[in-house]
Amino acid sequence: MDTPATGLTFRDATDGDVDALVALVESAYRGDSSRAGWTTEADILEGQRTDPEGVLEVVKSPDSRLLTVEQDGRIVACCQLEHRGDHAYFGMFAVSPSLQGAGLGKAVLAEAERQARRSWGATEMHMTVISVRDDLIAWYERRGYRRTGRTSPFPYGDERFGIPQRDDLEFELLVKELA
């Protein structure tokens, strides 16, 4: 029996993937469909998580890659990798809600770390996570990421990032040394 973490194809996104990637990211974080998985932000943010322009910007950026993960010819996960000097930034991470909890996210994160080391010689991976997402932060901590206590403000008023349902949102920087 195939598990979600096997039979995966990793590749860089193309312009033709943009609509499918927007749909994937939205399904993983927003609305009722996101509640099928455990990464939903539906209780803290409404509105959009991303849009075609934002995804295309990542696809076209010379310092970024949008790693796209396919299984059986269908896009099931993605993540952004951005080269930032001695470290890489990890973002726009999404796994199809119906496949969450079976190891696919772990496989994608491990491949992203491997590619950041191999492609850019990155010695650390950085990411920002909404600080009230305790379950998600704990998941990253189990994979070697550490909380730094360094925070940045949530972009209240910019609906491109969603419509906050609470007033205490901020991003916390998580860091992992890459061996």
Protein backbone atom coordinates (compact mmCIF):
# COMPACT_ATOMS: atom_id res chain seq x y z
CA MET A 1 0.00 0.00 0.00
CA ASP A 2 1.29 3.43 -0.91
CA THR A 3 1.66 5.87 1.95
CA PRO A 4 1.31 9.60 1.21
CA ALA A 5 5.07 10.10 1.61
CA THR A 6 6.00 7.61 -1.13
CA GLY A 7 5.81 7.92 -4.87
CA LEU A 8 6.46 11.65 -4.73
CA THR A 9 7.91 13.81 -7.48
CA PHE A 10 9.61 17.07 -6.46
CA ARG A 11 10.04 19.82 -9.04
CA ASP A 12 10.12 23.58 -9.37
CA ALA A 13 6.76 25.21 -10.07
CA THR A 14 6.04 26.73 -13.46
CA ASP A 15 3.65 29.47 -14.54
CA GLY A 16 1.16 26.76 -15.49
CA ASP A 17 1.01 25.52 -11.88
CA VAL A 18 -0.10 28.83 -10.36
CA ASP A 19 -3.86 28.19 -10.22
CA ALA A 20 -3.42 24.68 -8.79
CA LEU A 21 -0.96 25.98 -6.19
CA VAL A 22 -3.26 28.80 -5.09
CA ALA A 23 -6.09 26.26 -4.71
CA LEU A 24 -3.82 23.95 -2.68
CA VAL A 25 -2.65 26.70 -0.31
CA GLU A 26 -6.19 27.99 0.18
CA SER A 27 -7.51 24.47 0.85
CA ALA A 28 -4.85 23.84 3.49
CA TYR A 29 -5.42 27.04 5.48
CA ARG A 30 -8.77 28.67 4.82
CA GLY A 31 -12.44 27.81 4.84
CA ASP A 32 -14.25 24.62 5.70
CA SER A 33 -12.12 22.46 3.40
CA SER A 34 -9.07 23.28 5.54
CA ARG A 35 -10.74 21.75 8.60
CA ALA A 36 -10.14 18.29 7.09
CA GLY A 37 -6.48 18.75 8.00
CA TRP A 38 -4.83 20.02 11.16
CA THR A 39 -3.03 23.07 9.68
CA THR A 40 -6.16 25.16 9.27
CA GLU A 41 -6.06 28.84 10.17
CA ALA A 42 -9.83 29.18 9.66
CA ASP A 43 -10.44 30.07 13.32
CA ILE A 44 -7.92 32.92 13.38
CA LEU A 45 -8.01 34.24 9.80
CA GLU A 46 -10.67 34.54 7.14
CA GLY A 47 -10.29 35.65 3.54
CA GLN A 48 -7.46 34.60 1.28
CA ARG A 49 -4.09 33.08 2.20
CA THR A 50 -2.47 33.87 -1.14
CA ASP A 51 -3.38 34.88 -4.66
CA PRO A 52 -2.16 34.13 -8.20
CA GLU A 53 0.01 37.27 -8.27
CA GLY A 54 1.79 36.31 -5.04
CA VAL A 55 2.43 32.76 -6.20
CA LEU A 56 3.64 33.89 -9.62
CA GLU A 57 6.01 36.36 -7.95
CA VAL A 58 7.64 33.46 -6.05
CA VAL A 59 7.80 31.33 -9.23
CA LYS A 60 9.52 34.15 -11.16
CA SER A 61 11.90 35.38 -8.43
CA PRO A 62 15.56 34.56 -9.18
CA ASP A 63 16.27 33.98 -5.45
CA SER A 64 13.25 31.74 -4.80
CA ARG A 65 11.98 28.34 -5.73
CA LEU A 66 8.46 27.09 -5.28
CA LEU A 67 9.03 23.42 -4.70
CA THR A 68 6.01 21.53 -6.03
CA VAL A 69 5.24 18.00 -4.93
CA GLU A 70 3.22 15.64 -7.09
CA GLN A 71 1.80 12.22 -6.41
CA ASP A 72 0.13 10.29 -9.23
CA GLY A 73 0.34 13.40 -11.43
CA ARG A 74 -1.55 15.59 -8.94
CA ILE A 75 -0.04 18.47 -6.95
CA VAL A 76 -0.34 17.47 -3.28
CA ALA A 77 2.10 19.82 -1.51
CA CYS A 78 4.35 22.81 -2.01
CA CYS A 79 6.78 25.09 -0.23
CA GLN A 80 8.76 28.20 -0.99
CA LEU A 81 12.52 28.23 -0.59
CA GLU A 82 14.25 31.59 -0.75
CA HIS A 83 18.02 32.09 -0.73
CA ARG A 84 19.00 34.73 1.83
CA GLY A 85 22.77 34.65 2.11
CA ASP A 86 23.94 31.97 4.55
CA HIS A 87 20.40 30.81 5.26
CA ALA A 88 17.28 29.87 3.37
CA TYR A 89 13.74 30.99 4.15
CA PHE A 90 10.97 28.36 4.17
CA GLY A 91 7.42 29.51 3.50
CA MET A 92 4.18 28.96 1.62
CA PHE A 93 4.13 25.39 2.97
CA ALA A 94 0.95 23.55 2.13
CA VAL A 95 -0.10 19.91 2.17
CA SER A 96 -3.44 18.72 0.82
CA PRO A 97 -5.76 18.47 3.86
CA SER A 98 -6.80 14.90 2.99
CA LEU A 99 -3.15 13.79 3.12
CA GLN A 100 -2.13 15.55 6.34
CA GLY A 101 -1.01 13.49 9.30
CA ALA A 102 0.53 10.62 7.31
CA GLY A 103 4.14 11.81 6.87
CA LEU A 104 3.91 13.85 3.68
CA GLY A 105 4.72 17.14 5.44
CA LYS A 106 7.80 15.60 7.10
CA ALA A 107 9.02 14.32 3.73
CA VAL A 108 8.53 17.71 2.06
CA LEU A 109 10.28 19.58 4.87
CA ALA A 110 13.24 17.18 4.80
CA GLU A 111 13.56 17.54 1.01
CA ALA A 112 13.36 21.34 1.28
CA GLU A 113 16.17 21.34 3.85
CA ARG A 114 18.27 19.03 1.67
CA GLN A 115 17.76 21.22 -1.41
CA ALA A 116 18.58 24.44 0.50
CA ARG A 117 21.89 22.90 1.63
CA ARG A 118 22.70 21.42 -1.78
CA SER A 119 21.64 24.34 -3.99
CA TRP A 120 22.79 27.29 -1.91
CA GLY A 121 25.04 25.91 0.82
CA ALA A 122 22.56 27.22 3.40
CA THR A 123 23.63 26.51 6.97
CA GLU A 124 20.27 27.43 8.51
CA MET A 125 16.61 27.34 7.59
CA HIS A 126 14.44 30.21 8.80
CA MET A 127 10.65 30.47 8.85
CA THR A 128 8.02 32.59 10.48
CA VAL A 129 4.92 31.09 12.09
CA ILE A 130 1.93 32.86 13.61
CA SER A 131 2.82 32.76 17.30
CA VAL A 132 -0.59 31.53 18.50
CA ARG A 133 -0.25 28.37 16.36
CA ASP A 134 1.08 26.26 19.25
CA ASP A 135 0.35 22.90 17.58
CA LEU A 136 2.15 23.91 14.41
CA ILE A 137 5.14 25.34 16.29
CA ALA A 138 5.37 22.10 18.30
CA TRP A 139 5.39 20.12 15.04
CA TYR A 140 8.34 22.17 13.79
CA GLU A 141 10.13 21.84 17.13
CA ARG A 142 9.88 18.06 16.84
CA ARG A 143 11.74 18.43 13.54
CA GLY A 144 14.62 20.41 15.07
CA TYR A 145 13.40 23.99 14.74
CA ARG A 146 13.79 26.28 17.72
CA ARG A 147 11.81 29.28 18.79
CA THR A 148 13.89 32.45 18.81
CA GLY A 149 11.49 34.78 20.61
CA ARG A 150 12.04 37.24 17.75
CA THR A 151 8.72 38.45 16.45
CA SER A 152 7.42 40.64 13.66
CA PRO A 153 3.99 42.22 13.39
CA PHE A 154 1.12 40.64 11.51
CA PRO A 155 0.12 42.86 8.55
CA TYR A 156 -3.25 43.95 9.94
CA GLY A 157 -5.25 45.84 7.33
CA ASP A 158 -3.63 44.07 4.36
CA GLU A 159 -6.30 41.62 3.24
CA ARG A 160 -3.84 39.86 0.92
CA PHE A 161 -2.77 37.99 4.08
CA GLY A 162 -6.28 37.33 5.37
CA ILE A 163 -8.77 38.99 7.67
CA PRO A 164 -7.70 38.48 11.31
CA GLN A 165 -10.33 37.21 13.74
CA ARG A 166 -8.28 38.24 16.79
CA ASP A 167 -6.01 41.13 17.71
CA ASP A 168 -2.96 39.30 19.11
CA LEU A 169 -1.40 37.88 15.94
CA GLU A 170 2.30 38.19 15.23
CA PHE A 171 4.94 36.09 13.52
CA GLU A 172 7.71 34.32 15.42
CA LEU A 173 10.99 33.37 13.78
CA LEU A 174 11.89 29.67 13.99
CA VAL A 175 15.40 28.53 13.03
CA LYS A 176 17.07 25.17 12.37
CA GLU A 177 20.74 24.56 11.77
CA LEU A 178 21.24 22.46 8.66
CA ALA A 179 23.97 19.84 9.04
